Amino acid sequence: MLEVEKVRPVSTRFHVMSLAILNEGREVSDDYRKFLKTAWGPARVCTAVALEHGEAVLGSLYTALGTRFHNRGMPHTRETIEEALAEVGLPTALADAMDSTDYDDALSKSHHEGIDQVGLKVGTPVISVQGVAFFGPVVTPSPRGQEAANLWDGVLLVAGVQGFYELKRTRERGPIFD
């Protein structure tokens, strides 16, 4: 969406969702369950940020965190999160939320505001446009420039078709972060 914003007159509103909440009670592998334990911290911090500084800063924070976690392979540690918070001009003390359950009710509420639009048999990301929400798009590598605009145009088209639910194919490669 950040690429789309460069070439289309749209503005993205980011929202906090949680893979840990999404997968509660689901059968997942032991390795994935171990990963989900590390997912609570960043989601709690993002929730604290949204509540204390507004959702408008989430896009910048998600980018800072995503670059560290995905592109650089940095761990989901306090140090990594503090570095991302500092990059976007937020107090590093917000990292205290990682280990606190104080924001869990707000995190759950935020998560359900997104996922309830599409149903429980999907994942993240969720995109909502023109009153219609979808899981996805899942694209790797991320499209840039006109390619991103073309994908957005397609999302708008399918959102305009009443009863459209899904296009899907098997992934043949893992995520490519650039």
C-alpha atoms as a PDB file:
ATOM      1  CA  MET A   1       0.000   0.000   0.000  1.00  0.00           C
ATOM      2  CA  LEU A   2       2.912   2.345   0.610  1.00  0.00           C
ATOM      3  CA  GLU A   3       3.883   1.832  -3.022  1.00  0.00           C
ATOM      4  CA  VAL A   4       0.297   2.362  -4.155  1.00  0.00           C
ATOM      5  CA  GLU A   5       0.159   5.655  -2.258  1.00  0.00           C
ATOM      6  CA  LYS A   6       3.006   6.908  -4.462  1.00  0.00           C
ATOM      7  CA  VAL A   7       1.002   6.459  -7.663  1.00  0.00           C
ATOM      8  CA  ARG A   8      -2.679   6.547  -6.674  1.00  0.00           C
ATOM      9  CA  PRO A   9      -4.693   9.043  -4.603  1.00  0.00           C
ATOM     10  CA  VAL A  10      -5.189   6.695  -1.642  1.00  0.00           C
ATOM     11  CA  SER A  11      -4.308   6.872   2.012  1.00  0.00           C
ATOM     12  CA  THR A  12      -3.706   3.756   4.062  1.00  0.00           C
ATOM     13  CA  ARG A  13      -4.859   3.372   7.641  1.00  0.00           C
ATOM     14  CA  PHE A  14      -2.888   0.710   9.464  1.00  0.00           C
ATOM     15  CA  HIS A  15      -4.437  -1.358  12.213  1.00  0.00           C
ATOM     16  CA  VAL A  16      -2.965  -3.844  14.732  1.00  0.00           C
ATOM     17  CA  MET A  17      -3.634  -7.541  14.174  1.00  0.00           C
ATOM     18  CA  SER A  18      -2.028 -10.471  15.952  1.00  0.00           C
ATOM     19  CA  LEU A  19      -0.934 -13.832  14.598  1.00  0.00           C
ATOM     20  CA  ALA A  20      -0.812 -15.065  18.193  1.00  0.00           C
ATOM     21  CA  ILE A  21      -4.489 -14.201  18.718  1.00  0.00           C
ATOM     22  CA  LEU A  22      -5.436 -15.485  15.270  1.00  0.00           C
ATOM     23  CA  ASN A  23      -3.877 -18.876  16.004  1.00  0.00           C
ATOM     24  CA  GLU A  24      -5.130 -19.319  19.576  1.00  0.00           C
ATOM     25  CA  GLY A  25      -6.702 -22.746  19.848  1.00  0.00           C
ATOM     26  CA  ARG A  26      -5.574 -23.799  16.370  1.00  0.00           C
ATOM     27  CA  GLU A  27      -3.385 -26.784  15.676  1.00  0.00           C
ATOM     28  CA  VAL A  28      -0.011 -25.483  14.556  1.00  0.00           C
ATOM     29  CA  SER A  29       3.457 -26.985  14.488  1.00  0.00           C
ATOM     30  CA  ASP A  30       5.675 -26.762  17.547  1.00  0.00           C
ATOM     31  CA  ASP A  31       8.057 -24.468  15.643  1.00  0.00           C
ATOM     32  CA  TYR A  32       5.222 -22.116  14.707  1.00  0.00           C
ATOM     33  CA  ARG A  33       3.888 -22.142  18.268  1.00  0.00           C
ATOM     34  CA  LYS A  34       7.388 -21.162  19.448  1.00  0.00           C
ATOM     35  CA  PHE A  35       7.384 -18.293  16.924  1.00  0.00           C
ATOM     36  CA  LEU A  36       3.942 -17.157  18.093  1.00  0.00           C
ATOM     37  CA  LYS A  37       5.295 -16.631  21.602  1.00  0.00           C
ATOM     38  CA  THR A  38       7.652 -14.014  20.140  1.00  0.00           C
ATOM     39  CA  ALA A  39       4.784 -12.369  18.232  1.00  0.00           C
ATOM     40  CA  TRP A  40       3.079 -11.039  21.366  1.00  0.00           C
ATOM     41  CA  GLY A  41       5.760  -8.469  22.166  1.00  0.00           C
ATOM     42  CA  PRO A  42       5.749  -6.472  18.924  1.00  0.00           C
ATOM     43  CA  ALA A  43       1.932  -6.590  18.719  1.00  0.00           C
ATOM     44  CA  ARG A  44       1.636  -5.296  22.270  1.00  0.00           C
ATOM     45  CA  VAL A  45       4.070  -2.479  21.532  1.00  0.00           C
ATOM     46  CA  CYS A  46       2.177  -1.530  18.368  1.00  0.00           C
ATOM     47  CA  THR A  47      -1.056  -1.490  20.357  1.00  0.00           C
ATOM     48  CA  ALA A  48       0.520   0.759  22.993  1.00  0.00           C
ATOM     49  CA  VAL A  49       1.757   3.072  20.245  1.00  0.00           C
ATOM     50  CA  ALA A  50      -1.674   3.230  18.593  1.00  0.00           C
ATOM     51  CA  LEU A  51      -3.377   4.032  21.887  1.00  0.00           C
ATOM     52  CA  GLU A  52      -0.837   6.540  23.139  1.00  0.00           C
ATOM     53  CA  HIS A  53       0.272   8.202  19.886  1.00  0.00           C
ATOM     54  CA  GLY A  54      -2.489   7.396  17.389  1.00  0.00           C
ATOM     55  CA  GLU A  55      -2.818   4.870  14.579  1.00  0.00           C
ATOM     56  CA  ALA A  56      -1.276   7.302  12.077  1.00  0.00           C
ATOM     57  CA  VAL A  57       2.230   6.382  13.254  1.00  0.00           C
ATOM     58  CA  LEU A  58       1.666   2.631  12.776  1.00  0.00           C
ATOM     59  CA  GLY A  59       2.666   2.660   9.098  1.00  0.00           C
ATOM     60  CA  SER A  60       6.096   4.070   9.924  1.00  0.00           C
ATOM     61  CA  LEU A  61       6.538   1.743  12.879  1.00  0.00           C
ATOM     62  CA  TYR A  62       5.461  -1.331  10.893  1.00  0.00           C
ATOM     63  CA  THR A  63       7.978  -0.402   8.214  1.00  0.00           C
ATOM     64  CA  ALA A  64      10.755   0.074  10.775  1.00  0.00           C
ATOM     65  CA  LEU A  65       9.932  -3.215  12.493  1.00  0.00           C
ATOM     66  CA  GLY A  66       9.392  -5.146   9.265  1.00  0.00           C
ATOM     67  CA  THR A  67      12.701  -3.982   7.848  1.00  0.00           C
ATOM     68  CA  ARG A  68      14.453  -5.208  10.974  1.00  0.00           C
ATOM     69  CA  PHE A  69      12.589  -8.510  11.363  1.00  0.00           C
ATOM     70  CA  HIS A  70      12.222  -9.544   7.741  1.00  0.00           C
ATOM     71  CA  ASN A  71      14.912  -7.822   5.699  1.00  0.00           C
ATOM     72  CA  ARG A  72      17.683  -7.885   8.291  1.00  0.00           C
ATOM     73  CA  GLY A  73      16.647 -11.029  10.178  1.00  0.00           C
ATOM     74  CA  MET A  74      16.887  -9.291  13.537  1.00  0.00           C
ATOM     75  CA  PRO A  75      15.289 -11.005  16.555  1.00  0.00           C
ATOM     76  CA  HIS A  76      12.021  -9.936  18.189  1.00  0.00           C
ATOM     77  CA  THR A  77      13.911  -8.533  21.165  1.00  0.00           C
ATOM     78  CA  ARG A  78      13.520  -5.383  23.207  1.00  0.00           C
ATOM     79  CA  GLU A  79      16.660  -3.935  21.604  1.00  0.00           C
ATOM     80  CA  THR A  80      15.281  -4.392  18.092  1.00  0.00           C
ATOM     81  CA  ILE A  81      11.955  -2.860  19.052  1.00  0.00           C
ATOM     82  CA  GLU A  82      13.596   0.072  20.849  1.00  0.00           C
ATOM     83  CA  GLU A  83      15.689   0.756  17.746  1.00  0.00           C
ATOM     84  CA  ALA A  84      12.543   0.821  15.574  1.00  0.00           C
ATOM     85  CA  LEU A  85      10.714   3.064  18.039  1.00  0.00           C
ATOM     86  CA  ALA A  86      13.636   5.494  18.102  1.00  0.00           C
ATOM     87  CA  GLU A  87      13.799   5.539  14.294  1.00  0.00           C
ATOM     88  CA  VAL A  88      10.224   6.814  14.075  1.00  0.00           C
ATOM     89  CA  GLY A  89      10.641   9.293  16.919  1.00  0.00           C
ATOM     90  CA  LEU A  90       8.742   7.422  19.613  1.00  0.00           C
ATOM     91  CA  PRO A  91       9.836   6.921  23.224  1.00  0.00           C
ATOM     92  CA  THR A  92      11.797   3.702  23.626  1.00  0.00           C
ATOM     93  CA  ALA A  93      10.021   3.177  26.959  1.00  0.00           C
ATOM     94  CA  LEU A  94       7.052   1.952  24.884  1.00  0.00           C
ATOM     95  CA  ALA A  95       9.020  -1.298  24.582  1.00  0.00           C
ATOM     96  CA  ASP A  96       7.895  -1.985  28.170  1.00  0.00           C
ATOM     97  CA  ALA A  97       4.570  -3.063  26.644  1.00  0.00           C
ATOM     98  CA  MET A  98       6.277  -6.170  25.193  1.00  0.00           C
ATOM     99  CA  ASP A  99       6.131  -8.028  28.470  1.00  0.00           C
ATOM    100  CA  SER A 100       2.923  -6.555  29.831  1.00  0.00           C
ATOM    101  CA  THR A 101      -0.618  -7.829  29.450  1.00  0.00           C
ATOM    102  CA  ASP A 102      -1.961  -4.301  30.049  1.00  0.00           C
ATOM    103  CA  TYR A 103      -2.679  -3.821  26.334  1.00  0.00           C
ATOM    104  CA  ASP A 104      -4.013  -7.313  25.582  1.00  0.00           C
ATOM    105  CA  ASP A 105      -7.699  -6.348  25.698  1.00  0.00           C
ATOM    106  CA  ALA A 106      -7.086  -3.452  23.313  1.00  0.00           C
ATOM    107  CA  LEU A 107      -4.940  -5.718  21.110  1.00  0.00           C
ATOM    108  CA  SER A 108      -7.696  -8.328  20.972  1.00  0.00           C
ATOM    109  CA  LYS A 109     -10.294  -5.658  20.156  1.00  0.00           C
ATOM    110  CA  SER A 110      -8.119  -4.212  17.389  1.00  0.00           C
ATOM    111  CA  HIS A 111      -7.397  -7.676  16.005  1.00  0.00           C
ATOM    112  CA  HIS A 112     -11.082  -8.578  15.891  1.00  0.00           C
ATOM    113  CA  GLU A 113     -12.037  -5.276  14.238  1.00  0.00           C
ATOM    114  CA  GLY A 114      -9.906  -6.423  11.305  1.00  0.00           C
ATOM    115  CA  ILE A 115     -10.372 -10.185  11.216  1.00  0.00           C
ATOM    116  CA  ASP A 116     -14.109 -10.110  11.882  1.00  0.00           C
ATOM    117  CA  GLN A 117     -14.547  -8.332   8.547  1.00  0.00           C
ATOM    118  CA  VAL A 118     -13.219 -11.370   6.671  1.00  0.00           C
ATOM    119  CA  GLY A 119     -13.930 -14.368   8.906  1.00  0.00           C
ATOM    120  CA  LEU A 120     -11.757 -16.702  10.904  1.00  0.00           C
ATOM    121  CA  LYS A 121     -10.492 -18.989   8.145  1.00  0.00           C
ATOM    122  CA  VAL A 122      -7.949 -16.498   6.839  1.00  0.00           C
ATOM    123  CA  GLY A 123      -4.813 -14.805   8.098  1.00  0.00           C
ATOM    124  CA  THR A 124      -3.081 -11.493   7.885  1.00  0.00           C
ATOM    125  CA  PRO A 125      -2.865  -9.110   6.165  1.00  0.00           C
ATOM    126  CA  VAL A 126      -6.459  -8.004   5.824  1.00  0.00           C
ATOM    127  CA  ILE A 127      -7.315  -5.180   3.469  1.00  0.00           C
ATOM    128  CA  SER A 128     -10.619  -3.351   3.569  1.00  0.00           C
ATOM    129  CA  VAL A 129     -11.686  -1.230   0.621  1.00  0.00           C
ATOM    130  CA  GLN A 130     -15.050   0.180  -0.382  1.00  0.00           C
ATOM    131  CA  GLY A 131     -16.740  -1.661   2.495  1.00  0.00           C
ATOM    132  CA  VAL A 132     -15.354  -5.036   1.408  1.00  0.00           C
ATOM    133  CA  ALA A 133     -12.531  -6.811   3.210  1.00  0.00           C
ATOM    134  CA  PHE A 134     -10.177  -9.524   1.983  1.00  0.00           C
ATOM    135  CA  PHE A 135      -7.283 -11.535   3.318  1.00  0.00           C
ATOM    136  CA  GLY A 136      -4.252 -10.474   1.309  1.00  0.00           C
ATOM    137  CA  PRO A 137      -2.985  -9.706  -1.141  1.00  0.00           C
ATOM    138  CA  VAL A 138      -0.032 -11.980  -0.524  1.00  0.00           C
ATOM    139  CA  VAL A 139       2.606 -11.061  -3.097  1.00  0.00           C
ATOM    140  CA  THR A 140       6.314 -11.735  -3.200  1.00  0.00           C
ATOM    141  CA  PRO A 141       8.350  -9.798  -3.951  1.00  0.00           C
ATOM    142  CA  SER A 142       6.351  -6.649  -3.245  1.00  0.00           C
ATOM    143  CA  PRO A 143       5.332  -4.888  -6.432  1.00  0.00           C
ATOM    144  CA  ARG A 144       6.684  -1.399  -7.014  1.00  0.00           C
ATOM    145  CA  GLY A 145       5.467   1.617  -8.945  1.00  0.00           C
ATOM    146  CA  GLN A 146       3.016   0.931 -11.724  1.00  0.00           C
ATOM    147  CA  GLU A 147       2.911  -2.776 -10.909  1.00  0.00           C
ATOM    148  CA  ALA A 148       1.658  -1.902  -7.403  1.00  0.00           C
ATOM    149  CA  ALA A 149      -0.900   0.468  -8.932  1.00  0.00           C
ATOM    150  CA  ASN A 150      -2.111  -2.251 -11.293  1.00  0.00           C
ATOM    151  CA  LEU A 151      -2.565  -4.678  -8.408  1.00  0.00           C
ATOM    152  CA  TRP A 152      -4.486  -2.006  -6.471  1.00  0.00           C
ATOM    153  CA  ASP A 153      -6.699  -1.403  -9.500  1.00  0.00           C
ATOM    154  CA  GLY A 154      -7.439  -5.139  -9.556  1.00  0.00           C
ATOM    155  CA  VAL A 155      -8.311  -5.136  -5.852  1.00  0.00           C
ATOM    156  CA  LEU A 156     -10.743  -2.285  -6.488  1.00  0.00           C
ATOM    157  CA  LEU A 157     -12.291  -4.213  -9.357  1.00  0.00           C
ATOM    158  CA  VAL A 158     -12.875  -7.422  -7.379  1.00  0.00           C
ATOM    159  CA  ALA A 159     -14.134  -5.408  -4.391  1.00  0.00           C
ATOM    160  CA  GLY A 160     -16.834  -4.108  -6.718  1.00  0.00           C
ATOM    161  CA  VAL A 161     -18.092  -7.597  -7.553  1.00  0.00           C
ATOM    162  CA  GLN A 162     -20.742  -8.691  -5.095  1.00  0.00           C
ATOM    163  CA  GLY A 163     -20.078 -12.232  -3.943  1.00  0.00           C
ATOM    164  CA  PHE A 164     -16.371 -12.283  -4.896  1.00  0.00           C
ATOM    165  CA  TYR A 165     -14.472 -14.229  -2.251  1.00  0.00           C
ATOM    166  CA  GLU A 166     -11.176 -15.695  -3.318  1.00  0.00           C
ATOM    167  CA  LEU A 167      -8.424 -16.192  -5.848  1.00  0.00           C
ATOM    168  CA  LYS A 168      -5.642 -18.481  -4.682  1.00  0.00           C
ATOM    169  CA  ARG A 169      -2.774 -20.614  -5.840  1.00  0.00           C
ATOM    170  CA  THR A 170      -0.099 -22.618  -4.106  1.00  0.00           C
ATOM    171  CA  ARG A 171       2.972 -20.677  -3.113  1.00  0.00           C
ATOM    172  CA  GLU A 172       6.058 -21.896  -4.893  1.00  0.00           C
ATOM    173  CA  ARG A 173       8.549 -19.808  -2.933  1.00  0.00           C
ATOM    174  CA  GLY A 174       8.894 -18.113   0.401  1.00  0.00           C
ATOM    175  CA  PRO A 175       8.691 -14.413   1.021  1.00  0.00           C
ATOM    176  CA  ILE A 176      11.217 -12.150  -0.676  1.00  0.00           C
ATOM    177  CA  PHE A 177      11.957  -9.054   1.345  1.00  0.00           C
ATOM    178  CA  ASP A 178      13.761  -6.259  -0.415  1.00  0.00           C
END
